[in-house]
Structures are given as C-alpha cells and as structure tokens.
Amino acid sequence: MLASYVLLDLETTGTDPVRDRITEIAAIRIDQGRETARWSSLVDPGRPIPPYIQRLTGIHDAMLAGAPRFEQLLGELLPLLDGAVLVAHNVRFDHGFLKNEMARAGVELRTRTLCTVRLSRRLEPAQSGHGLDAIMRRHGLHNPARHRALGDVLVLQSWLQRMAALHGEDALREHAQALLGASSSLPPNLRHDLDAIPEGPGVYLMHGDGEIPLYIGKSVNLRRRVLSHFQADHRAAREMRLSQEVRRVEIRETAGELGALLLEARLVKQLQPLLNRRLRRDNTLCSWRIAEDPAQRPLLVLVRGDDFEPPDFERLYGTYRSRRQAQTVLRELAARHALCLRVLGLESGSGRCFAHQLGRCRGACCGEEPARLHAARVQAALAAERLRAWPWDGPVALRESDAEGLRCEVHVFDQWRHLGTVRDEAELDELLRTPRRGDGYGFDLDTYRLLLARLADPRLPAPQPLRARLAQPC
C-alpha cells in the first residue's frame, strides 16, 4: 500500500486526549509490503480506569500493576514510527493521544497519518458502515480480542490484505496516496467536500446525527477556520468531540465580518448548539432601573433582559448576567459612595440602616440626607453603567460589501435590535412590514455592544437613517 507504514491501535482511560491516558498500545510495521516488526505493551496510565472502560476493553487496574509508564516505552515506540506513516482506524483519536503523551515526555511527534475509516469510504462508497465492527461483519473478519490493541491492529492488517485482493494493490496505493496528499487528517465520518468551502466571510454550522447543531462559528475565512478545528483536536476536548461526531458542515456566506457576527449571534440563540457557550441566549440578563420619583422605595428595581425597553435606557444601568452579579456590583458602589442599602432595596427594615450606624451612610434612610440629593448621587455612581439611548429617530442601515463588490448586504437596526439583513428593496419592504419575533430578534447584549464599538470607531462608516427606502440598493 505504502512504502513504510505502521498499523497502530491504543486503548485509553477515556476519549479526552488531554485529560485521559493510554492503557495499551500495539503496532505492526510494514516496509515494502512485508511485516518487519510487531510490538505491544500494557501502559500504566497513572490513574484508575473507569468501570465502563474496564467492561469495554477487559483491561482493569490489577492488570496494569507493574506495567511501564508511557515515557518508558519511547525507546521501543519511536524506532517503530521512524520514517513511517501512522495508519489507524479513526487515526485522529490515536494521533491525538500519542501527540499529548509525547509532549508530556518532552518529545515532539512528527508523522504523517492515514485514516482507514476514510480509506474504507473511498474503496467502498456504497456501503453505509465503516467502523471496525462494520467492516469485520462485511468481510467476515474475526477478532477474538476486540477492543484490545493488538487484536484491533490484526483486524486492520487482515482488512488491508482483503482490500488489496478485492481492488488490486495499485488501486489501494492510489487511494492511500490521495488521502495522504489531501484530507487524511479530516474527521473520518465527515460527509462534506471541504474544498468547496469558500475562503470568504460567513457562518458555519457543524452537524452530527441529531437535529441540534454541534457547533456554530463565524470567520472572515470560512475554509481556514473550519479546517483549524480539525487541526487542534488533540489539544482540546471540544475539538476532539467535534472530530468524532461531525457528519456535515453547513455554510452560510455573508458580505463581510459584521454580517457574520450578527448571523452567528442570532443562530446560536435560535438553535442552541450543543458545544457553544458564548453568545447563547441568556435568560438571566438584567439591569437596574432607577425610579422617576427620588423618594420611591426601593429606588432601584432589577429589570430582566426580556423586559428591556430601549426608550427606557436613560433610566437603566448596567448589563449583568445574573441577579447576584448585579447586587454585588451595587453593594460595592454603595460602599464606595456611602449610598444607603435600604433605600437602594438591598436591605430590609425601617429607620436607620446598619451602614448609617457605622457612619458609612449619609442618612437617606432616616431623613438626614434629602432623597433628591441621594438619588442624584446614585445616578452619578452608576453613570458609567448607564445604557445608551438609541441616537436616531427610527431604523438605520449599515451597508456591507465583499472585497470584490459581488455581494452586498444591508443590516437594519432599530432601538439596538438587529431587525434583519436585506439585499434589495423587496426584502426591505418585507422586513419592515412583518417585524420578526423570537430568539435572536429582541434586545441582545452582544448586538448592543457590537454597535457601540462600531459607533466608537471613526474609521468605520456610521449607520445611515433608513427613512422609507434604501438610498443605494445593493
């Protein structure tokens, strides 16, 4: 198949190449079509093996008593890998574990890889299953030691021999070389031609077998960003999970980075992908609203993000992820500016507050400080947290075009809400006629901050009042 390659399989304590460890390793080296070395060893992982892994592999803690640590095996393993292609079933898994184990031992792993799952897909595209159990059933291969490292390596060796007999050695070599020269490092179950992914801006959705996307991301270079996920899977548990579960990648192009940022934020909130954390819809977002009457008690009321009304932003202060965070910030401000916790609503009771008894409150709670003066000091203390009122009379538009001028989009905003993105007058009419509702279309903290940052950057064009029509249609 190849001039020199090593068939390799690992057993591990789990699936995370950063946290988990190797418990068994086996390798068979092939040079010029002949087996030149066969080696296997148990490995002391330095930690207990989870019960479900023990049931799967049959390897238990007692078996590993006295087994060598991984770094003690490097003298035997490195000569096996020298100058050879690393071949494994779902090679990203094995390569990720080897790379991390070697890095911990101070050795850098440099070897090309070939995935036999992807090779199976190329050789037998009409077949639906390409896992090790599936190809064993399909070709009548037997393995009395399934989920043991050497047993699985021997299955791979038998399968390659069967493929050479069925398809010819030349065809096997051609497909293997094609994978080495192109996408051999891609996830084995990915059913997508990544060469077709554009290099421009946009959003990508990674899908597994379920209805909910695994992950949603954005980039100014979609192809480079998508590939970067699969180049880093040995360093992060999330990337490893993506490489194992992803089946297809959906692409949505945009005219520029702003459109990609807006679309990503909206899709994450609407679809709630499994592996996204940032940008998810936050049901606990809240802000302090100050009463119009300075004598009202409490003077501040916590307002949930669902109840944010931009016309009231002049009376809203701060954007907090939780009630606890909001109260913590307010207590710190009260201590710094000698504000009354009882008037603010953070302390119950009547009469003098506890802070006043300690000389840390100027007496708004007991009439020693006028309510109007105390309210003015509260506003001054919160001034940096004040939400900005919408600075236009109505909706505004931000126009964005790609570098070649082939794609143009107009992003429409009103009261800090992203109403939508349009490309022509008809789409604009539809957008203004039927306001959208639901996740991603209400007040969104990420969109608010994005617009504020854009307004503060003098190098970027300012939003233009929308009026009734687009002044310059795309």
Protein backbone atom coordinates (compact mmCIF):
# COMPACT_ATOMS: atom_id res chain seq x y z
CA MET A 1 0.00 0.00 0.00
CA LEU A 2 2.69 2.49 1.10
CA ALA A 3 6.46 2.15 1.24
CA SER A 4 6.55 2.21 5.05
CA TYR A 5 3.65 2.43 7.46
CA VAL A 6 2.74 1.43 10.99
CA LEU A 7 -0.65 -0.02 11.88
CA LEU A 8 -1.36 1.22 15.39
CA ASP A 9 -4.12 1.00 17.97
CA LEU A 10 -4.49 2.35 21.50
CA GLU A 11 -6.71 1.60 24.46
CA THR A 12 -7.26 4.51 26.82
CA THR A 13 -8.97 5.58 30.03
CA GLY A 14 -11.43 7.76 28.07
CA THR A 15 -11.84 9.90 24.98
CA ASP A 16 -10.19 13.18 26.02
CA PRO A 17 -6.57 13.24 24.78
CA VAL A 18 -5.67 15.99 27.25
CA ARG A 19 -7.08 14.51 30.46
CA ASP A 20 -7.17 10.77 29.72
CA ARG A 21 -4.22 8.40 29.32
CA ILE A 22 -3.14 5.35 27.31
CA THR A 23 -3.54 1.89 28.88
CA GLU A 24 -2.37 -0.29 25.99
CA ILE A 25 -0.54 0.20 22.72
CA ALA A 26 0.14 -2.13 19.79
CA ALA A 27 1.86 -1.61 16.45
CA ILE A 28 2.80 -3.59 13.34
CA ARG A 29 5.31 -2.04 10.93
CA ILE A 30 5.16 -2.79 7.20
CA ASP A 31 8.07 -1.98 4.89
CA GLN A 32 7.81 -2.60 1.14
CA GLY A 33 4.81 -4.87 1.69
CA ARG A 34 6.46 -7.03 4.37
CA GLU A 35 5.86 -7.07 8.11
CA THR A 36 9.14 -6.06 9.74
CA ALA A 37 8.11 -5.53 13.37
CA ARG A 38 5.27 -6.40 15.75
CA TRP A 39 5.04 -4.94 19.26
CA SER A 40 2.52 -4.39 22.03
CA SER A 41 2.54 -3.38 25.66
CA LEU A 42 0.24 -2.52 28.52
CA VAL A 43 0.80 1.01 29.86
CA ASP A 44 0.43 2.33 33.38
CA PRO A 45 -1.86 5.39 32.99
CA GLY A 46 -1.14 6.66 36.49
CA ARG A 47 -4.85 6.74 37.35
CA PRO A 48 -7.78 4.32 37.85
CA ILE A 49 -9.62 3.02 34.78
CA PRO A 50 -13.34 3.95 34.77
CA PRO A 51 -15.63 0.90 35.20
CA TYR A 52 -17.28 1.28 31.79
CA ILE A 53 -13.87 1.33 30.10
CA GLN A 54 -12.90 -1.81 32.02
CA ARG A 55 -16.05 -3.52 30.74
CA LEU A 56 -15.36 -2.40 27.16
CA THR A 57 -11.69 -3.38 26.93
CA GLY A 58 -11.32 -6.02 29.61
CA ILE A 59 -8.31 -4.08 30.93
CA HIS A 60 -8.55 -3.46 34.67
CA ASP A 61 -6.34 -1.79 37.22
CA ALA A 62 -4.81 -5.01 38.55
CA MET A 63 -3.56 -5.90 35.05
CA LEU A 64 -1.57 -2.68 34.90
CA ALA A 65 0.25 -3.15 38.20
CA GLY A 66 3.93 -3.05 37.32
CA ALA A 67 3.30 -2.02 33.68
CA PRO A 68 5.70 0.62 32.28
CA ARG A 69 4.74 4.27 32.06
CA PHE A 70 4.39 5.69 28.56
CA GLU A 71 7.68 7.59 28.67
CA GLN A 72 9.46 4.32 29.49
CA LEU A 73 8.23 2.84 26.17
CA LEU A 74 9.56 5.58 23.92
CA GLY A 75 12.77 3.66 23.26
CA GLU A 76 10.70 0.90 21.63
CA LEU A 77 7.96 3.02 20.08
CA LEU A 78 9.96 5.78 18.38
CA PRO A 79 12.06 3.43 16.17
CA LEU A 80 8.82 1.77 15.01
CA LEU A 81 7.38 5.13 13.90
CA ASP A 82 10.59 6.49 12.36
CA GLY A 83 10.05 7.35 8.70
CA ALA A 84 6.68 5.60 8.54
CA VAL A 85 3.09 6.76 8.01
CA LEU A 86 0.89 6.27 11.08
CA VAL A 87 -2.17 4.24 9.99
CA ALA A 88 -5.14 3.70 12.32
CA HIS A 89 -8.91 3.38 12.30
CA ASN A 90 -10.05 6.92 13.18
CA VAL A 91 -6.43 8.00 13.25
CA ARG A 92 -7.23 11.38 14.78
CA PHE A 93 -8.05 9.65 18.07
CA ASP A 94 -4.79 7.67 18.27
CA HIS A 95 -2.68 10.52 16.90
CA GLY A 96 -4.14 12.96 19.43
CA PHE A 97 -3.31 10.68 22.37
CA LEU A 98 0.19 9.94 21.10
CA LYS A 99 0.90 13.62 20.49
CA ASN A 100 -0.17 14.59 24.01
CA GLU A 101 1.65 11.71 25.71
CA MET A 102 4.85 12.51 23.81
CA ALA A 103 4.55 16.21 24.58
CA ARG A 104 4.34 15.38 28.29
CA ALA A 105 7.53 13.36 27.84
CA GLY A 106 9.24 16.26 26.07
CA VAL A 107 9.12 14.68 22.60
CA GLU A 108 7.51 16.22 19.53
CA LEU A 109 5.59 13.76 17.34
CA ARG A 110 6.09 14.41 13.66
CA THR A 111 4.48 11.85 11.40
CA ARG A 112 2.01 11.75 8.56
CA THR A 113 -1.26 9.99 9.23
CA LEU A 114 -3.69 7.87 7.24
CA CYS A 115 -7.21 7.08 8.45
CA THR A 116 -8.54 3.66 7.44
CA VAL A 117 -12.12 4.82 8.04
CA ARG A 118 -11.68 7.36 5.25
CA LEU A 119 -9.84 4.78 3.15
CA SER A 120 -12.80 2.42 3.57
CA ARG A 121 -15.18 5.16 2.41
CA ARG A 122 -13.11 5.69 -0.73
CA LEU A 123 -12.84 1.98 -1.53
CA GLU A 124 -16.48 1.10 -0.78
CA PRO A 125 -18.54 4.28 -1.14
CA ALA A 126 -21.83 2.39 -1.49
CA GLN A 127 -21.51 0.90 1.99
CA SER A 128 -23.04 2.77 4.93
CA GLY A 129 -20.92 1.46 7.79
CA HIS A 130 -17.17 1.95 8.04
CA GLY A 131 -16.48 1.38 11.73
CA LEU A 132 -14.29 -1.55 12.67
CA ASP A 133 -17.24 -3.76 13.64
CA ALA A 134 -18.99 -2.95 10.34
CA ILE A 135 -16.06 -3.87 8.12
CA MET A 136 -15.48 -7.03 10.15
CA ARG A 137 -19.06 -8.16 9.51
CA ARG A 138 -18.94 -7.15 5.86
CA HIS A 139 -15.77 -9.06 5.10
CA GLY A 140 -16.11 -11.97 7.51
CA LEU A 141 -13.14 -10.95 9.63
CA HIS A 142 -12.82 -12.42 13.10
CA ASN A 143 -11.26 -10.87 16.19
CA PRO A 144 -11.27 -12.81 19.47
CA ALA A 145 -9.62 -9.80 21.16
CA ARG A 146 -11.84 -6.90 20.05
CA HIS A 147 -11.06 -3.67 21.94
CA ARG A 148 -7.60 -4.90 22.76
CA ALA A 149 -4.85 -3.03 20.97
CA LEU A 150 -3.10 -5.90 19.18
CA GLY A 151 -6.37 -7.61 18.30
CA ASP A 152 -7.65 -4.49 16.55
CA VAL A 153 -4.35 -3.95 14.74
CA LEU A 154 -4.52 -7.51 13.40
CA VAL A 155 -8.03 -6.82 12.11
CA LEU A 156 -6.74 -3.78 10.23
CA GLN A 157 -3.92 -5.83 8.74
CA SER A 158 -6.38 -8.51 7.56
CA TRP A 159 -8.73 -5.87 6.15
CA LEU A 160 -5.95 -4.21 4.13
CA GLN A 161 -4.98 -7.57 2.72
CA ARG A 162 -8.63 -8.19 1.77
CA MET A 163 -8.86 -4.76 0.11
CA ALA A 164 -5.71 -5.44 -1.91
CA ALA A 165 -7.18 -8.72 -3.09
CA LEU A 166 -10.57 -7.19 -4.00
CA HIS A 167 -9.47 -3.90 -5.56
CA GLY A 168 -5.86 -4.52 -6.51
CA GLU A 169 -2.67 -3.28 -4.88
CA ASP A 170 -2.38 -0.39 -7.33
CA ALA A 171 -5.87 0.94 -6.52
CA LEU A 172 -5.22 0.60 -2.79
CA ARG A 173 -1.97 2.53 -3.14
CA GLU A 174 -3.62 5.22 -5.27
CA HIS A 175 -6.39 5.85 -2.73
CA ALA A 176 -3.94 5.87 0.17
CA GLN A 177 -1.67 8.36 -1.59
CA ALA A 178 -4.66 10.57 -2.41
CA LEU A 179 -5.64 10.68 1.26
CA LEU A 180 -2.08 11.46 2.30
CA GLY A 181 -1.88 14.31 -0.19
CA ALA A 182 -5.27 15.81 0.60
CA SER A 183 -7.50 15.40 3.61
CA SER A 184 -6.20 12.42 5.53
CA SER A 185 -6.34 14.47 8.72
CA LEU A 186 -10.08 15.20 8.43
CA PRO A 187 -12.64 13.52 10.71
CA PRO A 188 -13.42 10.02 9.46
CA ASN A 189 -17.21 10.39 9.31
CA LEU A 190 -17.33 13.84 7.73
CA ARG A 191 -19.50 13.73 4.63
CA HIS A 192 -18.51 17.05 3.14
CA ASP A 193 -16.14 18.25 0.43
CA LEU A 194 -14.18 20.86 2.35
CA ASP A 195 -12.52 22.01 -0.86
CA ALA A 196 -15.92 23.51 -1.75
CA ILE A 197 -15.97 25.73 1.34
CA PRO A 198 -15.34 29.35 0.29
CA GLU A 199 -12.47 31.39 1.67
CA GLY A 200 -14.64 34.44 2.32
CA PRO A 201 -16.63 35.53 5.39
CA GLY A 202 -19.66 33.79 6.80
CA VAL A 203 -21.01 31.32 9.34
CA TYR A 204 -20.54 27.55 9.53
CA LEU A 205 -22.80 25.05 11.29
CA MET A 206 -21.34 21.68 12.25
CA HIS A 207 -23.96 18.93 12.35
CA GLY A 208 -23.84 15.45 13.84
CA ASP A 209 -26.58 12.84 13.59
CA GLY A 210 -29.08 14.82 15.69
CA GLU A 211 -31.25 17.78 14.79
CA ILE A 212 -29.42 20.27 17.05
CA PRO A 213 -26.12 21.53 15.58
CA LEU A 214 -22.97 20.55 17.42
CA TYR A 215 -21.34 23.94 16.97
CA ILE A 216 -21.85 27.26 15.18
CA GLY A 217 -18.97 29.61 14.40
CA LYS A 218 -18.05 32.52 12.15
CA SER A 219 -14.94 33.64 10.30
CA VAL A 220 -13.67 36.02 7.66
CA ASN A 221 -12.10 32.92 6.02
CA LEU A 222 -14.51 30.02 6.36
CA ARG A 223 -12.29 27.30 4.90
CA ARG A 224 -9.31 28.14 7.08
CA ARG A 225 -11.45 28.36 10.22
CA VAL A 226 -13.27 25.07 9.65
CA LEU A 227 -10.02 23.23 8.98
CA SER A 228 -8.47 24.74 12.11
CA HIS A 229 -10.99 22.84 14.26
CA PHE A 230 -9.66 19.55 12.95
CA GLN A 231 -6.02 20.54 13.29
CA ALA A 232 -6.40 21.21 17.02
CA ASP A 233 -8.50 18.26 18.18
CA HIS A 234 -5.61 16.71 20.10
CA ARG A 235 -5.36 19.80 22.33
CA ALA A 236 -8.97 20.37 23.37
CA ALA A 237 -11.81 18.11 24.43
CA ARG A 238 -14.34 20.16 22.44
CA GLU A 239 -12.35 19.82 19.20
CA MET A 240 -11.92 16.09 19.77
CA ARG A 241 -15.66 15.68 20.28
CA LEU A 242 -16.34 17.67 17.11
CA SER A 243 -13.98 15.48 15.08
CA GLN A 244 -15.66 12.34 16.39
CA GLU A 245 -19.28 13.43 15.97
CA VAL A 246 -19.37 15.81 13.00
CA ARG A 247 -21.07 14.45 9.88
CA ARG A 248 -21.56 17.53 7.71
CA VAL A 249 -20.75 21.23 7.65
CA GLU A 250 -23.35 23.79 6.56
CA ILE A 251 -22.07 27.09 5.16
CA ARG A 252 -23.86 30.46 5.07
CA GLU A 253 -21.86 33.16 3.34
CA THR A 254 -22.06 36.84 4.22
CA ALA A 255 -20.77 40.02 2.61
CA GLY A 256 -18.38 40.77 5.46
CA GLU A 257 -17.38 40.30 9.07
CA LEU A 258 -20.25 42.32 10.53
CA GLY A 259 -22.81 40.15 8.78
CA ALA A 260 -21.03 37.03 10.04
CA LEU A 261 -21.02 38.33 13.63
CA LEU A 262 -24.72 39.17 13.52
CA LEU A 263 -25.73 35.89 11.89
CA GLU A 264 -23.64 33.82 14.31
CA ALA A 265 -25.16 35.54 17.35
CA ARG A 266 -28.69 35.01 16.03
CA LEU A 267 -28.25 31.37 15.03
CA VAL A 268 -26.63 30.44 18.34
CA LYS A 269 -29.57 31.89 20.26
CA GLN A 270 -32.15 30.32 17.95
CA LEU A 271 -30.63 26.83 17.59
CA GLN A 272 -28.79 26.47 20.94
CA PRO A 273 -25.92 24.31 19.59
CA LEU A 274 -24.54 21.73 21.98
CA LEU A 275 -20.94 22.95 22.18
CA ASN A 276 -21.41 26.72 22.07
CA ARG A 277 -21.31 28.56 25.37
CA ARG A 278 -20.66 32.16 24.42
CA LEU A 279 -23.48 34.01 22.60
CA ARG A 280 -26.21 31.69 23.88
CA ARG A 281 -29.45 33.38 24.81
CA ASP A 282 -29.09 34.46 28.42
CA ASN A 283 -32.40 34.32 30.26
CA THR A 284 -30.84 35.86 33.38
CA LEU A 285 -29.66 39.14 31.81
CA CYS A 286 -30.77 42.07 33.99
CA SER A 287 -30.26 45.79 34.64
CA TRP A 288 -31.01 48.31 37.37
CA ARG A 289 -33.85 50.77 36.64
CA ILE A 290 -33.97 53.94 38.72
CA ALA A 291 -37.33 55.32 39.79
CA GLU A 292 -38.51 58.66 38.40
CA ASP A 293 -39.55 59.76 41.92
CA PRO A 294 -36.39 60.10 44.08
CA ALA A 295 -38.47 59.35 47.19
CA GLN A 296 -39.67 55.97 45.90
CA ARG A 297 -38.58 52.89 47.85
CA PRO A 298 -36.77 50.94 46.68
CA LEU A 299 -35.09 53.48 44.47
CA LEU A 300 -33.68 50.77 42.15
CA VAL A 301 -35.55 47.81 40.67
CA LEU A 302 -33.90 44.93 38.84
CA VAL A 303 -35.31 44.52 35.31
CA ARG A 304 -34.91 41.28 33.35
CA GLY A 305 -33.48 41.36 29.84
CA ASP A 306 -36.81 40.21 28.36
CA ASP A 307 -38.35 43.42 29.71
CA PHE A 308 -35.67 45.79 28.38
CA GLU A 309 -37.31 48.64 26.50
CA PRO A 310 -34.78 50.86 24.68
CA PRO A 311 -36.88 54.03 25.19
CA ASP A 312 -36.26 53.49 28.93
CA PHE A 313 -32.48 53.11 28.55
CA GLU A 314 -31.85 56.51 30.10
CA ARG A 315 -33.10 55.00 33.37
CA LEU A 316 -31.34 51.62 33.01
CA TYR A 317 -27.88 50.99 34.42
CA GLY A 318 -25.62 48.04 33.77
CA THR A 319 -26.00 44.73 31.93
CA TYR A 320 -25.49 41.85 34.33
CA ARG A 321 -25.53 38.12 33.70
CA SER A 322 -27.29 37.35 36.97
CA ARG A 323 -29.14 38.91 39.90
CA ARG A 324 -26.21 38.01 42.12
CA GLN A 325 -23.73 39.86 39.90
CA ALA A 326 -26.00 42.93 39.78
CA GLN A 327 -26.35 43.02 43.58
CA THR A 328 -22.62 42.50 44.13
CA VAL A 329 -21.74 45.44 41.85
CA LEU A 330 -24.35 47.66 43.51
CA ARG A 331 -23.12 46.81 47.03
CA GLU A 332 -19.56 47.72 46.01
CA LEU A 333 -20.74 51.05 44.59
CA ALA A 334 -22.78 51.74 47.72
CA ALA A 335 -19.76 51.14 49.95
CA ARG A 336 -17.55 53.33 47.76
CA HIS A 337 -20.00 56.27 47.61
CA ALA A 338 -21.70 55.99 51.04
CA LEU A 339 -25.07 55.13 49.49
CA CYS A 340 -27.93 53.72 51.54
CA LEU A 341 -28.52 50.00 51.01
CA ARG A 342 -32.01 50.24 52.49
CA VAL A 343 -33.07 52.97 50.05
CA LEU A 344 -31.49 51.03 47.18
CA GLY A 345 -33.53 47.95 48.12
CA LEU A 346 -30.65 45.74 49.23
CA GLU A 347 -31.53 45.84 52.95
CA SER A 348 -34.92 45.33 54.61
CA GLY A 349 -36.32 47.08 57.67
CA SER A 350 -37.16 50.65 58.65
CA GLY A 351 -35.38 53.51 60.31
CA ARG A 352 -31.63 53.93 60.23
CA CYS A 353 -29.79 51.33 58.15
CA PHE A 354 -26.87 49.34 59.55
CA ALA A 355 -24.32 51.27 57.45
CA HIS A 356 -25.56 54.58 58.91
CA GLN A 357 -24.99 53.26 62.41
CA LEU A 358 -21.40 52.58 61.34
CA GLY A 359 -21.02 56.01 59.77
CA ARG A 360 -21.00 54.64 56.21
CA CYS A 361 -24.35 56.06 55.04
CA ARG A 362 -25.24 59.77 54.94
CA GLY A 363 -28.74 59.16 56.26
CA ALA A 364 -31.11 58.94 53.30
CA CYS A 365 -32.79 56.14 55.24
CA CYS A 366 -33.70 58.39 58.17
CA GLY A 367 -34.15 61.79 56.54
CA GLU A 368 -30.71 63.20 57.29
CA GLU A 369 -29.91 63.30 53.56
CA PRO A 370 -32.57 64.63 51.16
CA ALA A 371 -33.97 61.95 48.86
CA ARG A 372 -33.29 64.08 45.78
CA LEU A 373 -29.62 64.53 46.70
CA HIS A 374 -29.20 60.80 47.43
CA ALA A 375 -30.85 59.89 44.12
CA ALA A 376 -28.51 62.25 42.28
CA ARG A 377 -25.51 60.60 43.94
CA VAL A 378 -26.84 57.16 42.97
CA GLN A 379 -27.10 58.28 39.35
CA ALA A 380 -23.58 59.69 39.45
CA ALA A 381 -22.20 56.47 40.94
CA LEU A 382 -23.93 54.42 38.22
CA ALA A 383 -23.18 56.85 35.38
CA ALA A 384 -20.55 54.64 33.74
CA GLU A 385 -23.05 51.75 33.70
CA ARG A 386 -25.87 53.70 32.06
CA LEU A 387 -27.30 52.17 28.89
CA ARG A 388 -27.14 54.44 25.90
CA ALA A 389 -30.38 55.70 24.41
CA TRP A 390 -31.00 54.98 20.72
CA PRO A 391 -29.43 58.01 18.98
CA TRP A 392 -31.68 58.03 15.87
CA ASP A 393 -35.34 58.80 15.28
CA GLY A 394 -36.02 55.43 13.65
CA PRO A 395 -34.37 52.45 11.95
CA VAL A 396 -30.87 52.77 10.48
CA ALA A 397 -28.92 50.78 7.92
CA LEU A 398 -25.33 49.60 7.74
CA ARG A 399 -24.18 48.65 4.24
CA GLU A 400 -21.54 45.98 3.80
CA SER A 401 -19.90 44.65 0.61
CA ASP A 402 -17.30 41.97 -0.03
CA ALA A 403 -13.83 42.80 -1.35
CA GLU A 404 -14.80 42.07 -4.96
CA GLY A 405 -18.05 44.01 -4.79
CA LEU A 406 -20.02 40.91 -5.81
CA ARG A 407 -22.04 40.57 -2.61
CA CYS A 408 -23.78 43.42 -0.84
CA GLU A 409 -25.91 43.33 2.30
CA VAL A 410 -27.73 45.97 4.31
CA HIS A 411 -28.08 45.33 8.05
CA VAL A 412 -31.12 47.03 9.53
CA PHE A 413 -31.27 48.07 13.20
CA ASP A 414 -33.79 49.82 15.40
CA GLN A 415 -33.58 50.52 19.13
CA TRP A 416 -30.35 48.45 19.29
CA ARG A 417 -32.16 45.42 17.84
CA HIS A 418 -30.95 43.78 14.64
CA LEU A 419 -34.15 43.58 12.63
CA GLY A 420 -32.55 41.64 9.79
CA THR A 421 -30.30 41.74 6.75
CA VAL A 422 -31.63 42.56 3.28
CA ARG A 423 -30.24 42.75 -0.25
CA ASP A 424 -32.87 44.71 -2.13
CA GLU A 425 -35.96 46.88 -1.80
CA ALA A 426 -38.36 43.93 -1.85
CA GLU A 427 -36.62 42.27 1.08
CA LEU A 428 -36.59 45.58 2.95
CA ASP A 429 -40.33 46.06 2.42
CA GLU A 430 -40.97 42.54 3.73
CA LEU A 431 -38.73 43.11 6.74
CA LEU A 432 -40.44 46.37 7.75
CA ARG A 433 -43.93 45.03 7.07
CA THR A 434 -43.58 41.89 9.22
CA PRO A 435 -41.38 42.55 12.28
CA ARG A 436 -39.73 39.38 13.48
CA ARG A 437 -40.17 37.83 16.90
CA GLY A 438 -38.45 35.13 18.91
CA ASP A 439 -34.91 34.28 19.95
CA GLY A 440 -32.32 36.49 18.31
CA TYR A 441 -34.73 39.34 17.48
CA GLY A 442 -35.22 41.00 20.88
CA PHE A 443 -32.72 43.12 22.76
CA ASP A 444 -29.40 41.32 22.56
CA LEU A 445 -26.41 42.34 24.66
CA ASP A 446 -23.90 41.14 22.07
CA THR A 447 -25.54 43.18 19.31
CA TYR A 448 -25.75 46.21 21.59
CA ARG A 449 -22.03 46.04 22.37
CA LEU A 450 -21.18 45.40 18.72
CA LEU A 451 -23.00 48.55 17.63
CA LEU A 452 -21.47 50.63 20.42
CA ALA A 453 -17.98 49.52 19.38
CA ARG A 454 -18.74 50.36 15.77
CA LEU A 455 -20.02 53.82 16.66
CA ALA A 456 -16.86 54.47 18.65
CA ASP A 457 -14.56 53.61 15.73
CA PRO A 458 -14.10 56.67 13.49
CA ARG A 459 -12.55 54.54 10.73
CA LEU A 460 -15.83 52.73 10.06
CA PRO A 461 -18.82 54.22 8.21
CA ALA A 462 -21.62 55.32 10.50
CA PRO A 463 -25.13 53.87 10.21
CA GLN A 464 -27.42 55.85 7.93
CA PRO A 465 -31.09 56.66 8.69
CA LEU A 466 -33.22 54.17 6.81
CA ARG A 467 -36.17 56.51 6.09
CA ALA A 468 -38.65 54.67 3.89
CA ARG A 469 -36.31 53.30 1.22
CA LEU A 470 -32.74 52.26 0.66
CA ALA A 471 -30.89 55.22 -0.74
CA GLN A 472 -28.43 52.93 -2.55
CA PRO A 473 -29.91 49.47 -3.13
CA CYS A 474 -27.49 46.58 -3.39
